[in-house]
Every structure is written in structure tokens, then in C-alpha cells.
Amino acid sequence: MIGVSVVIPVYAGAQTIAAVVAELEPLVLGAVTPDGRPFRVIEAVLVWDHGNDDSPLAMQALAERYDWVRPVWLSRNFGQHPATTAGLAASKGEWVVTIDEDGQQNPADIGAMLDTAYNQAALLVYAAPQNPPPHNFLRNAASRFVKRSLLPALTGRKGVEFNSFRLIHGEHARAVAAYCGPGVYLDVALGWLISDVAACPVYLRSEGREARSYTPRRLMSHLWRLVLSSGNRPLRIVSALGFIVALGGFVYAIIVAVQRIQGDIPVAGWTSLLVALLLIGGLILMALGVIAEYLGMAASMSMGRPLFVITSDATVRLRAERNAYLGNRP
């Protein structure tokens, strides 16, 4: 029987959290994945992120009704990712699922995500929505751009998009919670420890309430935290840009020098000014890139990025089970 902890950050969930917990109740009694693996939800960790509605009362009522509901109370509003990280630290299960409070994601998909983890020997499984989120066109378009273009450039991870509906091996989830520092984008921190990542197709539902938690300002702050916690890769992009500008300036310097010799540039001094501007500008960008590399190393240390983390042989066991499953499959 696979034990699963469910972590739910709660900000404005007074209207929806009870329905989400009710959907988890059958899984507490025990269920079977589509491929026949028995599992059960052993706990639901509700992390209150200090929202401004009656979520604390709803959480307290659920904790009194269900002995497997564990509320965690944060002292102030820290944001979704810090609240989720707090829930990971408090979890106990062999696997940990993170899910939103609004009912958009279906807890019934946990079984399929477990099958994906075991069949692909993955320690981290992201939900891969097969239908567009129930948001406006502009937000969906911006989300697609960030996930398909910006995220691969910043993180180097291709093929699997980040999603708040995740299945994480419990030992690794709690290790991430121990090392993840303030201001770090949770999915970036997961990438520090986990390389075996998979995606599981799911279908999103309509939210149980009006989507008012994420204003454009909050979304931009969310994106900026991703950029800042992506390590040295953005800084290396600056260095590469400086090299390209310097190289282009050198090539163009040769062109304008030839034009000056041939008398094609009538304005005296323009050639030397342009050449100096291009070359010095490119060199300055390259120097800033080198300095930024040192700042990036210091930032990585301050964010708590570990040099290494020792875990159990979970990957070996997952791969052995996957191979056995593939060998026995007709």
C-alpha cells in the first residue's frame, strides 16, 4: 500500500477547500491506480497562507471532522510556493502530492500520476493539462509563452512544463523543503535535487470560485522570482549577448574602416566613434557578465542550493519495478 500525503496551500479557499477534502475522503480508505497499484491518502496538510477570507474557520472545521486533516498555520502571507514548501516539510508520506485549493485539479488523477512515476521511474511527476486553463485569453497566452519559451531558456529543462499539481517522492520533497531558501521558485529548487521527471496527462476543471488571487502584479512577481532563482543561466545569457555585441562590433569596425579608406564616409570622426562605441560596449557587457557570474554563485549559496544531497535508493527501486512491470506486461 503506497502512502500519499496531499499538500494544499490555502489562501482564499473558504468556499472550495471543503469540496476538495471531500474528494480526497474515498482515497483515504484506499484505492487502486489504473495499473493496479494499491495506494491511500494518509493525510491532507492544509497550509494557511494568511488570506483575507474565512479559510481558517473552514480548515479548523475540517480538522475537527477528519483526523487525517492536518492544518499548518503561517504567521503571515508568504506566497504559494513558500506555503507549499512548508507543507512539504510537514508531510510524512512515501509520496507527496501538491494540489490547489480551488478544485480546478482532480484528486482522482493521483492514481494515474503514481503509475507514471513507477512506469517511468520518475521521482517527480507534473500534471500535463490537455485542455486550456479556465482563464482569459491573455493570461493563457502569457502562460504558454513562459512555459514553452522562457522556462527552457532559464532552467534548461525541456519537454516537461511546471505545474502546481505535482507528485514528488516524499524523501526528496522533504529534502527540498530543508534546503530551499527564501525567494526561491519551488520548481527550480526541485530541479536541484531531482533529474528523473515525467508528465502525466490530466484534464482541468472549472474553478470553484472566482480566480481573484493572482493579479497581474502577483503574476509578474511570480515570474520575477523564477528569473532570480534560476541560477547563473540568465547571467550567462548576458555574457553571451556581450560577446555577440563585441564580435559584431569588431566585424562592423572592419567594414567602416574599409569604407573610410575608400572615402565612403564623409563625416570625419564618425568611424572611430562608432567603432569605439561598439567594441567598448561589447566588452563592458562581457565584463558585467563575468561579475554577474560571481554574484550568481553567491546568490546560489544564499538561496541554500546544496552541493549534493544523499537520499535512499528510490530511483533504483523505481526502475526495477518499471522493468518488472514492462517484462510482465502482455
Foldseek 3Di string as FASTA:
>chain_A
DFEEEEEEEDAPQPQFQVVQVVLLVVQQVWDAFPVGHIYGYQAYEYEYQAHDDPVVVVLVVVVVVDVRYHYHYDPHHQDDQLSRLVRLQVDDGQKYWYDYSFQFFHPVCVSVQVVVCLQQLFQKEAEDEPDQAPDDPVVSVVVCCCFQPVVCQLQVDPDDGDDRGMMHRSVLSNVLSVQFARLAQSVLSSVLAGDRYYYGYDHTDHTNDDPDPDDVVNVVSNVVSHNLNSFLSVLVVLLVVLVVQLVVLVVVLVVVVVCVVVVVDPDPPPSVVSSCVSNVSSVVSNVSSVVVNVVRVVSCVNRRRDPHDDDDVSSVVSVVSNVVVVVPDD
